[in-house]
């Protein structure tokens, strides 16, 4: 029985690794401190790729930020914690966790604590093609409300001009 459980766990980790690895793009971001995710703000990230080592003990996150009219590529590595979340440094201390994964979308919750000690709770919705449909958007609204993030603090990143500009810069 123990061998079966270990095999199931190994298969589950391999499956998660295969599903997380690859190209993704930021579809939507929500935050209780909405100022941090507005256009040209530090936590408005335009995600492009997730990489996970075999055990998913390290997760690489490659994204672009657009600050002061400059588009900059950034890669950080999150290290898995005992509770299954990942911790990294970017604009302060970040603790993020994958909470939902399908072949089409990945949803992460995150807590950022900046150098001033300000906590920002976030939701990042990543996708592999296209915006959220109405039903998916409604699920995001309910999830945000459950996380004490007002629905009006949800930003549709995929539809913004900055995201299209970032895609053009990357493609060039």
N, C-alpha and C. Protein backbone atom coordinates (compact mmCIF):
# COMPACT_ATOMS: atom_id res chain seq x y z
N UNK A 1 0.83 -1.20 0.00
CA UNK A 1 0.00 0.00 0.00
C UNK A 1 0.87 1.25 0.00
N UNK A 2 1.94 1.26 0.80
CA UNK A 2 2.82 2.42 0.86
C UNK A 2 3.47 2.66 -0.50
N UNK A 3 3.89 1.58 -1.17
CA UNK A 3 4.49 1.72 -2.50
C UNK A 3 3.49 2.32 -3.47
N UNK A 4 2.23 1.92 -3.39
CA UNK A 4 1.20 2.47 -4.25
C UNK A 4 1.03 3.97 -4.01
N UNK A 5 1.01 4.39 -2.73
CA UNK A 5 0.86 5.81 -2.40
C UNK A 5 2.04 6.63 -2.90
N UNK A 6 3.26 6.07 -2.74
CA UNK A 6 4.45 6.77 -3.24
C UNK A 6 4.41 6.90 -4.76
N UNK A 7 3.97 5.83 -5.43
CA UNK A 7 3.84 5.87 -6.88
C UNK A 7 2.80 6.90 -7.31
N UNK A 8 1.69 6.95 -6.60
CA UNK A 8 0.64 7.93 -6.91
C UNK A 8 1.15 9.36 -6.69
N UNK A 9 1.90 9.56 -5.61
CA UNK A 9 2.46 10.88 -5.35
C UNK A 9 3.45 11.27 -6.43
N UNK A 10 4.33 10.35 -6.82
CA UNK A 10 5.31 10.63 -7.87
C UNK A 10 4.61 10.95 -9.19
N UNK A 11 3.56 10.20 -9.53
CA UNK A 11 2.81 10.45 -10.75
C UNK A 11 2.13 11.82 -10.69
N UNK A 12 1.58 12.15 -9.53
CA UNK A 12 0.92 13.45 -9.34
C UNK A 12 1.89 14.60 -9.51
N UNK A 13 3.11 14.47 -8.94
CA UNK A 13 4.12 15.51 -9.10
C UNK A 13 4.55 15.64 -10.55
N UNK A 14 4.74 14.52 -11.22
CA UNK A 14 5.13 14.57 -12.63
C UNK A 14 4.05 15.21 -13.48
N UNK A 15 2.78 14.91 -13.19
CA UNK A 15 1.67 15.49 -13.92
C UNK A 15 1.60 16.99 -13.69
N UNK A 16 1.74 17.43 -12.43
CA UNK A 16 1.71 18.86 -12.12
C UNK A 16 2.86 19.57 -12.82
N UNK A 17 4.04 18.95 -12.80
CA UNK A 17 5.21 19.51 -13.47
C UNK A 17 4.92 19.71 -14.95
N UNK A 18 4.37 18.70 -15.60
CA UNK A 18 4.08 18.77 -17.03
C UNK A 18 3.02 19.82 -17.35
N UNK A 19 2.03 19.98 -16.50
CA UNK A 19 0.95 20.92 -16.77
C UNK A 19 1.35 22.36 -16.47
N UNK A 20 2.24 22.58 -15.52
CA UNK A 20 2.65 23.95 -15.15
C UNK A 20 3.70 24.47 -16.11
N UNK A 21 4.66 23.65 -16.48
CA UNK A 21 5.74 24.06 -17.36
C UNK A 21 5.21 24.60 -18.68
N UNK A 22 5.74 25.72 -19.10
CA UNK A 22 5.42 26.19 -20.44
C UNK A 22 5.09 27.68 -20.50
N UNK A 23 4.62 28.04 -21.68
CA UNK A 23 4.27 29.43 -21.93
C UNK A 23 2.88 29.73 -21.39
N UNK A 24 2.77 30.82 -20.66
CA UNK A 24 1.52 31.31 -20.10
C UNK A 24 1.49 32.81 -20.33
N UNK A 25 0.32 33.40 -20.21
CA UNK A 25 0.23 34.85 -20.23
C UNK A 25 -0.75 35.31 -19.16
N UNK A 26 -0.49 36.49 -18.63
CA UNK A 26 -1.37 37.05 -17.60
C UNK A 26 -2.70 37.41 -18.24
N UNK A 27 -3.77 36.85 -17.71
CA UNK A 27 -5.12 37.15 -18.19
C UNK A 27 -5.75 38.22 -17.31
N UNK A 28 -5.64 38.05 -16.00
CA UNK A 28 -6.25 39.00 -15.05
C UNK A 28 -5.45 39.00 -13.76
N UNK A 29 -5.51 40.15 -13.08
CA UNK A 29 -4.90 40.31 -11.76
C UNK A 29 -5.92 41.00 -10.88
N UNK A 30 -5.98 40.57 -9.62
CA UNK A 30 -6.82 41.23 -8.63
C UNK A 30 -5.96 41.46 -7.39
N UNK A 31 -6.22 42.57 -6.68
CA UNK A 31 -5.44 42.86 -5.47
C UNK A 31 -6.26 43.69 -4.50
N UNK A 32 -6.01 43.46 -3.21
CA UNK A 32 -6.69 44.29 -2.22
C UNK A 32 -6.08 45.69 -2.18
N UNK A 33 -4.85 45.85 -2.62
CA UNK A 33 -4.20 47.14 -2.76
C UNK A 33 -4.08 47.40 -4.27
N UNK A 34 -5.15 47.90 -4.86
CA UNK A 34 -5.26 47.99 -6.32
C UNK A 34 -4.20 48.88 -6.94
N UNK A 35 -3.67 49.84 -6.18
CA UNK A 35 -2.64 50.72 -6.71
C UNK A 35 -1.42 49.94 -7.21
N UNK A 36 -1.13 48.80 -6.59
CA UNK A 36 0.05 48.00 -6.96
C UNK A 36 -0.09 47.30 -8.32
N UNK A 37 -1.34 47.19 -8.85
CA UNK A 37 -1.54 46.45 -10.10
C UNK A 37 -2.03 47.33 -11.25
N UNK A 38 -2.07 48.63 -11.03
CA UNK A 38 -2.48 49.52 -12.11
C UNK A 38 -1.38 49.55 -13.17
N UNK A 39 -1.68 50.11 -14.33
CA UNK A 39 -0.72 50.20 -15.43
C UNK A 39 0.54 50.93 -14.94
N UNK A 40 1.68 50.36 -15.29
CA UNK A 40 3.01 50.86 -14.91
C UNK A 40 3.27 50.84 -13.41
N UNK A 41 2.61 49.94 -12.72
CA UNK A 41 2.86 49.75 -11.28
C UNK A 41 3.62 48.44 -11.10
N UNK A 42 4.30 48.25 -9.96
CA UNK A 42 5.27 47.15 -9.82
C UNK A 42 4.71 45.73 -9.86
N UNK A 43 3.46 45.51 -9.46
CA UNK A 43 2.95 44.14 -9.44
C UNK A 43 2.04 43.84 -10.63
N UNK A 44 2.01 44.74 -11.60
CA UNK A 44 1.29 44.45 -12.84
C UNK A 44 2.29 43.74 -13.75
N UNK A 45 2.32 42.44 -13.61
CA UNK A 45 3.30 41.66 -14.36
C UNK A 45 2.63 41.02 -15.57
N UNK A 46 3.39 40.95 -16.64
CA UNK A 46 2.94 40.33 -17.89
C UNK A 46 3.69 39.02 -18.02
N UNK A 47 3.12 37.98 -17.43
CA UNK A 47 3.77 36.68 -17.35
C UNK A 47 3.90 36.05 -18.72
N UNK A 48 5.02 35.35 -18.95
CA UNK A 48 5.26 34.68 -20.22
C UNK A 48 5.60 33.21 -20.07
N UNK A 49 6.22 32.80 -18.94
CA UNK A 49 6.62 31.40 -18.83
C UNK A 49 6.76 30.97 -17.37
N UNK A 50 6.34 29.72 -17.13
CA UNK A 50 6.57 29.06 -15.85
C UNK A 50 7.43 27.84 -16.11
N UNK A 51 8.40 27.62 -15.27
CA UNK A 51 9.21 26.41 -15.34
C UNK A 51 9.25 25.80 -13.95
N UNK A 52 9.24 24.49 -13.93
CA UNK A 52 9.23 23.77 -12.66
C UNK A 52 10.24 22.64 -12.76
N UNK A 53 11.10 22.49 -11.75
CA UNK A 53 12.00 21.34 -11.80
C UNK A 53 11.18 20.07 -11.57
N UNK A 54 11.80 18.92 -11.69
CA UNK A 54 11.04 17.66 -11.65
C UNK A 54 10.20 17.48 -10.42
N UNK A 55 10.70 17.89 -9.28
CA UNK A 55 9.93 17.74 -8.04
C UNK A 55 9.04 18.96 -7.79
N UNK A 56 9.14 19.95 -8.65
CA UNK A 56 8.45 21.23 -8.47
C UNK A 56 8.84 21.89 -7.15
N UNK A 57 10.08 21.65 -6.70
CA UNK A 57 10.56 22.31 -5.49
C UNK A 57 11.04 23.73 -5.81
N UNK A 58 11.26 24.00 -7.09
CA UNK A 58 11.61 25.33 -7.56
C UNK A 58 10.74 25.66 -8.76
N UNK A 59 10.18 26.87 -8.76
CA UNK A 59 9.36 27.30 -9.88
C UNK A 59 9.91 28.62 -10.41
N UNK A 60 10.33 28.59 -11.67
CA UNK A 60 10.81 29.80 -12.33
C UNK A 60 9.64 30.55 -12.93
N UNK A 61 9.65 31.87 -12.80
CA UNK A 61 8.59 32.72 -13.32
C UNK A 61 9.26 33.80 -14.17
N UNK A 62 8.96 33.81 -15.46
CA UNK A 62 9.50 34.82 -16.36
C UNK A 62 8.37 35.74 -16.78
N UNK A 63 8.59 37.04 -16.61
CA UNK A 63 7.55 38.01 -16.90
C UNK A 63 8.18 39.33 -17.33
N UNK A 64 7.35 40.20 -17.84
CA UNK A 64 7.74 41.55 -18.20
C UNK A 64 7.01 42.53 -17.30
N UNK A 65 7.65 43.65 -17.02
CA UNK A 65 7.01 44.76 -16.33
C UNK A 65 7.22 46.00 -17.19
N UNK A 66 6.26 46.88 -17.17
CA UNK A 66 6.34 48.11 -17.93
C UNK A 66 6.33 49.26 -16.93
N UNK A 67 7.49 49.83 -16.70
CA UNK A 67 7.63 50.94 -15.76
C UNK A 67 8.30 52.11 -16.47
N UNK A 68 7.73 53.29 -16.30
CA UNK A 68 8.29 54.50 -16.91
C UNK A 68 8.49 54.36 -18.41
N UNK A 69 7.56 53.69 -19.06
CA UNK A 69 7.62 53.51 -20.51
C UNK A 69 8.64 52.49 -20.98
N UNK A 70 9.28 51.80 -20.06
CA UNK A 70 10.29 50.79 -20.40
C UNK A 70 9.77 49.41 -20.07
N UNK A 71 9.89 48.50 -21.03
CA UNK A 71 9.46 47.12 -20.84
C UNK A 71 10.70 46.29 -20.46
N UNK A 72 10.68 45.67 -19.29
CA UNK A 72 11.84 44.91 -18.80
C UNK A 72 11.46 43.47 -18.51
N UNK A 73 12.32 42.57 -18.99
CA UNK A 73 12.14 41.14 -18.73
C UNK A 73 12.74 40.81 -17.36
N UNK A 74 12.00 40.02 -16.58
CA UNK A 74 12.44 39.63 -15.24
C UNK A 74 12.18 38.14 -15.06
N UNK A 75 13.11 37.46 -14.43
CA UNK A 75 12.92 36.06 -14.06
C UNK A 75 13.25 35.90 -12.59
N UNK A 76 12.33 35.28 -11.86
CA UNK A 76 12.56 34.99 -10.45
C UNK A 76 12.35 33.49 -10.24
N UNK A 77 12.94 32.98 -9.17
CA UNK A 77 12.75 31.58 -8.81
C UNK A 77 12.08 31.52 -7.45
N UNK A 78 10.97 30.81 -7.40
CA UNK A 78 10.28 30.58 -6.14
C UNK A 78 10.70 29.23 -5.58
N UNK A 79 10.92 29.20 -4.28
CA UNK A 79 11.34 27.97 -3.61
C UNK A 79 10.19 27.44 -2.78
N UNK A 80 9.88 26.16 -2.97
CA UNK A 80 8.73 25.55 -2.31
C UNK A 80 8.90 25.52 -0.80
N UNK A 81 7.83 25.90 -0.12
CA UNK A 81 7.80 25.93 1.34
C UNK A 81 7.05 24.69 1.84
N UNK A 82 7.10 24.45 3.14
CA UNK A 82 6.46 23.27 3.73
C UNK A 82 4.95 23.23 3.47
N UNK A 83 4.31 24.39 3.36
CA UNK A 83 2.86 24.43 3.14
C UNK A 83 2.47 24.32 1.66
N UNK A 84 3.45 24.12 0.76
CA UNK A 84 3.17 23.97 -0.66
C UNK A 84 3.22 25.28 -1.43
N UNK A 85 3.39 26.40 -0.74
CA UNK A 85 3.52 27.68 -1.43
C UNK A 85 4.97 27.86 -1.87
N UNK A 86 5.20 28.90 -2.65
CA UNK A 86 6.55 29.23 -3.12
C UNK A 86 6.91 30.62 -2.61
N UNK A 87 8.19 30.80 -2.31
CA UNK A 87 8.64 32.09 -1.79
C UNK A 87 9.77 32.62 -2.67
N UNK A 88 9.68 33.92 -2.97
CA UNK A 88 10.72 34.58 -3.77
C UNK A 88 10.78 36.04 -3.39
N UNK A 89 11.76 36.72 -3.94
CA UNK A 89 11.93 38.16 -3.74
C UNK A 89 11.69 38.88 -5.07
N UNK A 90 10.74 39.79 -5.06
CA UNK A 90 10.50 40.70 -6.16
C UNK A 90 9.62 41.82 -5.61
N UNK A 91 10.12 43.02 -5.64
CA UNK A 91 9.38 44.15 -5.05
C UNK A 91 8.98 43.84 -3.61
N UNK A 92 9.87 43.15 -2.91
CA UNK A 92 9.62 42.74 -1.54
C UNK A 92 9.59 41.22 -1.44
N UNK A 93 9.01 40.74 -0.37
CA UNK A 93 8.89 39.29 -0.13
C UNK A 93 7.56 38.80 -0.70
N UNK A 94 7.61 37.72 -1.47
CA UNK A 94 6.41 37.17 -2.10
C UNK A 94 6.24 35.71 -1.73
N UNK A 95 5.01 35.37 -1.40
CA UNK A 95 4.63 33.99 -1.11
C UNK A 95 3.44 33.70 -2.02
N UNK A 96 3.61 32.77 -2.97
CA UNK A 96 2.53 32.49 -3.92
C UNK A 96 2.24 31.00 -3.98
N UNK A 97 1.00 30.69 -4.35
CA UNK A 97 0.57 29.30 -4.36
C UNK A 97 -0.37 29.05 -5.54
N UNK A 98 -0.15 27.95 -6.22
CA UNK A 98 -1.05 27.51 -7.28
C UNK A 98 -2.30 26.93 -6.62
N UNK A 99 -3.47 27.51 -6.93
CA UNK A 99 -4.70 27.06 -6.29
C UNK A 99 -5.68 26.40 -7.26
N UNK A 100 -5.43 26.57 -8.58
CA UNK A 100 -6.32 25.95 -9.57
C UNK A 100 -5.54 25.79 -10.86
N UNK A 101 -5.64 24.61 -11.47
CA UNK A 101 -4.91 24.35 -12.70
C UNK A 101 -5.76 23.52 -13.65
N UNK A 102 -5.92 24.03 -14.85
CA UNK A 102 -6.54 23.28 -15.94
C UNK A 102 -5.61 23.41 -17.14
N UNK A 103 -5.86 22.68 -18.21
CA UNK A 103 -5.00 22.87 -19.38
C UNK A 103 -5.05 24.30 -19.95
N UNK A 104 -6.11 25.03 -19.64
CA UNK A 104 -6.31 26.37 -20.20
C UNK A 104 -5.92 27.50 -19.24
N UNK A 105 -6.07 27.30 -17.93
CA UNK A 105 -5.82 28.35 -16.95
C UNK A 105 -5.07 27.84 -15.72
N UNK A 106 -4.32 28.76 -15.13
CA UNK A 106 -3.68 28.53 -13.84
C UNK A 106 -4.02 29.73 -12.97
N UNK A 107 -4.41 29.48 -11.72
CA UNK A 107 -4.76 30.55 -10.80
C UNK A 107 -3.82 30.45 -9.60
N UNK A 108 -3.19 31.58 -9.30
CA UNK A 108 -2.29 31.67 -8.16
C UNK A 108 -2.82 32.72 -7.20
N UNK A 109 -2.66 32.46 -5.90
CA UNK A 109 -2.83 33.50 -4.90
C UNK A 109 -1.43 33.90 -4.47
N UNK A 110 -1.29 35.14 -4.03
CA UNK A 110 0.02 35.63 -3.66
C UNK A 110 -0.11 36.68 -2.57
N UNK A 111 0.91 36.75 -1.74
CA UNK A 111 1.00 37.83 -0.75
C UNK A 111 2.36 38.49 -0.95
N UNK A 112 2.33 39.80 -1.17
CA UNK A 112 3.54 40.58 -1.32
C UNK A 112 3.66 41.49 -0.10
N UNK A 113 4.85 41.51 0.49
CA UNK A 113 5.15 42.45 1.57
C UNK A 113 6.32 43.29 1.08
N UNK A 114 6.03 44.58 0.81
CA UNK A 114 7.08 45.44 0.26
C UNK A 114 8.04 45.94 1.34
N UNK A 115 9.02 46.71 0.93
CA UNK A 115 10.06 47.17 1.87
C UNK A 115 9.52 48.06 2.97
N UNK A 116 8.35 48.67 2.76
CA UNK A 116 7.73 49.50 3.80
C UNK A 116 6.86 48.67 4.74
N UNK A 117 6.74 47.36 4.46
CA UNK A 117 5.92 46.48 5.29
C UNK A 117 4.46 46.41 4.86
N UNK A 118 4.12 47.02 3.73
CA UNK A 118 2.75 46.99 3.23
C UNK A 118 2.44 45.63 2.62
N UNK A 119 1.38 45.00 3.10
CA UNK A 119 0.95 43.70 2.57
C UNK A 119 -0.08 43.91 1.46
N UNK A 120 0.11 43.17 0.38
CA UNK A 120 -0.86 43.18 -0.72
C UNK A 120 -1.20 41.74 -1.04
N UNK A 121 -2.49 41.40 -0.99
CA UNK A 121 -2.96 40.08 -1.36
C UNK A 121 -3.43 40.13 -2.81
N UNK A 122 -2.98 39.14 -3.58
CA UNK A 122 -3.23 39.16 -5.01
C UNK A 122 -3.78 37.83 -5.51
N UNK A 123 -4.42 37.91 -6.67
CA UNK A 123 -4.81 36.74 -7.44
C UNK A 123 -4.29 36.97 -8.85
N UNK A 124 -3.57 36.00 -9.38
CA UNK A 124 -3.10 36.04 -10.76
C UNK A 124 -3.78 34.93 -11.53
N UNK A 125 -4.44 35.29 -12.62
CA UNK A 125 -5.04 34.30 -13.52
C UNK A 125 -4.18 34.27 -14.77
N UNK A 126 -3.64 33.10 -15.06
CA UNK A 126 -2.80 32.90 -16.25
C UNK A 126 -3.57 32.08 -17.25
N UNK A 127 -3.25 32.28 -18.53
CA UNK A 127 -3.95 31.53 -19.55
C UNK A 127 -3.04 31.09 -20.66
N UNK A 128 -3.60 30.22 -21.49
CA UNK A 128 -2.88 29.71 -22.66
C UNK A 128 -3.65 30.05 -23.93
N UNK A 129 -4.34 31.16 -23.92
CA UNK A 129 -5.02 31.59 -25.14
C UNK A 129 -6.39 32.14 -24.87
N UNK A 130 -6.51 33.42 -24.96
CA UNK A 130 -7.82 34.05 -24.87
C UNK A 130 -8.21 34.52 -23.49
N UNK A 131 -9.15 35.45 -23.47
CA UNK A 131 -9.63 36.00 -22.20
C UNK A 131 -10.57 35.03 -21.48
N UNK A 132 -10.95 35.40 -20.28
CA UNK A 132 -11.93 34.61 -19.53
C UNK A 132 -13.30 34.78 -20.17
N UNK A 133 -14.06 33.70 -20.22
CA UNK A 133 -15.44 33.84 -20.68
C UNK A 133 -16.27 34.34 -19.50
N UNK A 134 -17.54 34.58 -19.73
CA UNK A 134 -18.39 35.16 -18.70
C UNK A 134 -18.46 34.29 -17.44
N UNK A 135 -18.60 32.98 -17.63
CA UNK A 135 -18.67 32.06 -16.49
C UNK A 135 -17.37 32.06 -15.70
N UNK A 136 -16.23 32.04 -16.40
CA UNK A 136 -14.93 32.06 -15.73
C UNK A 136 -14.73 33.38 -14.98
N UNK A 137 -15.17 34.48 -15.58
CA UNK A 137 -15.06 35.78 -14.92
C UNK A 137 -15.90 35.82 -13.64
N UNK A 138 -17.09 35.25 -13.70
CA UNK A 138 -17.94 35.21 -12.50
C UNK A 138 -17.30 34.38 -11.39
N UNK A 139 -16.64 33.28 -11.76
CA UNK A 139 -15.93 32.47 -10.77
C UNK A 139 -14.79 33.27 -10.15
N UNK A 140 -14.10 34.07 -10.97
CA UNK A 140 -13.02 34.92 -10.45
C UNK A 140 -13.58 35.96 -9.49
N UNK A 141 -14.71 36.56 -9.82
CA UNK A 141 -15.33 37.55 -8.95
C UNK A 141 -15.64 36.92 -7.59
N UNK A 142 -16.25 35.73 -7.59
CA UNK A 142 -16.59 35.06 -6.33
C UNK A 142 -15.33 34.69 -5.55
N UNK A 143 -14.31 34.21 -6.25
CA UNK A 143 -13.06 33.85 -5.58
C UNK A 143 -12.42 35.09 -4.97
N UNK A 144 -12.41 36.20 -5.70
CA UNK A 144 -11.85 37.45 -5.18
C UNK A 144 -12.61 37.89 -3.93
N UNK A 145 -13.92 37.83 -3.97
CA UNK A 145 -14.72 38.20 -2.80
C UNK A 145 -14.38 37.32 -1.60
N UNK A 146 -14.18 36.01 -1.84
CA UNK A 146 -13.81 35.10 -0.76
C UNK A 146 -12.43 35.44 -0.18
N UNK A 147 -11.59 36.08 -0.97
CA UNK A 147 -10.25 36.48 -0.53
C UNK A 147 -10.23 37.93 -0.05
N UNK A 148 -11.42 38.52 0.15
CA UNK A 148 -11.56 39.91 0.59
C UNK A 148 -10.95 40.91 -0.37
N UNK A 149 -11.04 40.60 -1.65
CA UNK A 149 -10.61 41.52 -2.69
C UNK A 149 -11.87 41.98 -3.42
N UNK A 150 -12.14 43.28 -3.41
CA UNK A 150 -13.36 43.78 -4.08
C UNK A 150 -13.34 43.48 -5.58
N UNK A 151 -14.48 43.09 -6.15
CA UNK A 151 -14.54 42.79 -7.59
C UNK A 151 -14.06 43.94 -8.47
N UNK A 152 -14.25 45.18 -8.00
CA UNK A 152 -13.80 46.32 -8.81
C UNK A 152 -12.27 46.43 -8.85
N UNK A 153 -11.58 45.61 -8.07
CA UNK A 153 -10.12 45.59 -8.08
C UNK A 153 -9.56 44.52 -9.02
N UNK A 154 -10.41 43.92 -9.83
CA UNK A 154 -9.96 42.95 -10.83
C UNK A 154 -9.58 43.71 -12.10
N UNK A 155 -8.40 43.43 -12.61
CA UNK A 155 -7.93 44.07 -13.83
C UNK A 155 -7.77 43.03 -14.93
N UNK A 156 -8.39 43.28 -16.08
CA UNK A 156 -8.29 42.42 -17.24
C UNK A 156 -7.01 42.79 -17.98
N UNK A 157 -5.93 42.12 -17.66
CA UNK A 157 -4.62 42.46 -18.19
C UNK A 157 -4.51 42.07 -19.66
N UNK A 158 -5.09 40.97 -20.05
CA UNK A 158 -4.96 40.47 -21.41
C UNK A 158 -5.47 41.49 -22.43
N UNK A 159 -6.48 42.24 -22.08
CA UNK A 159 -7.10 43.18 -23.01
C UNK A 159 -6.43 44.55 -23.04
N UNK A 160 -5.43 44.77 -22.20
CA UNK A 160 -4.85 46.11 -22.13
C UNK A 160 -3.88 46.37 -23.26
N UNK A 161 -3.75 47.61 -23.59
CA UNK A 161 -2.80 48.04 -24.61
C UNK A 161 -1.38 47.67 -24.22
N UNK A 162 -1.05 47.78 -22.92
CA UNK A 162 0.30 47.45 -22.46
C UNK A 162 0.64 45.99 -22.74
N UNK A 163 -0.33 45.10 -22.59
CA UNK A 163 -0.07 43.68 -22.84
C UNK A 163 0.20 43.47 -24.33
N UNK A 164 -0.56 44.12 -25.19
CA UNK A 164 -0.32 43.99 -26.63
C UNK A 164 1.05 44.56 -26.99
N UNK A 165 1.42 45.69 -26.36
CA UNK A 165 2.72 46.29 -26.61
C UNK A 165 3.83 45.34 -26.17
N UNK A 166 3.66 44.71 -25.02
CA UNK A 166 4.66 43.78 -24.51
C UNK A 166 4.81 42.60 -25.47
N UNK A 167 3.71 42.11 -25.99
CA UNK A 167 3.75 40.99 -26.94
C UNK A 167 4.52 41.41 -28.19
N UNK A 168 4.28 42.65 -28.66
CA UNK A 168 4.99 43.12 -29.85
C UNK A 168 6.49 43.23 -29.58
N UNK A 169 6.88 43.71 -28.39
CA UNK A 169 8.29 43.84 -28.04
C UNK A 169 8.94 42.47 -28.01
N UNK A 170 8.25 41.50 -27.42
CA UNK A 170 8.79 40.14 -27.31
C UNK A 170 8.93 39.51 -28.69
N UNK A 171 7.97 39.75 -29.56
CA UNK A 171 7.98 39.13 -30.89
C UNK A 171 9.04 39.73 -31.79
N UNK A 172 9.48 40.95 -31.51
CA UNK A 172 10.45 41.63 -32.36
C UNK A 172 11.82 41.03 -32.25
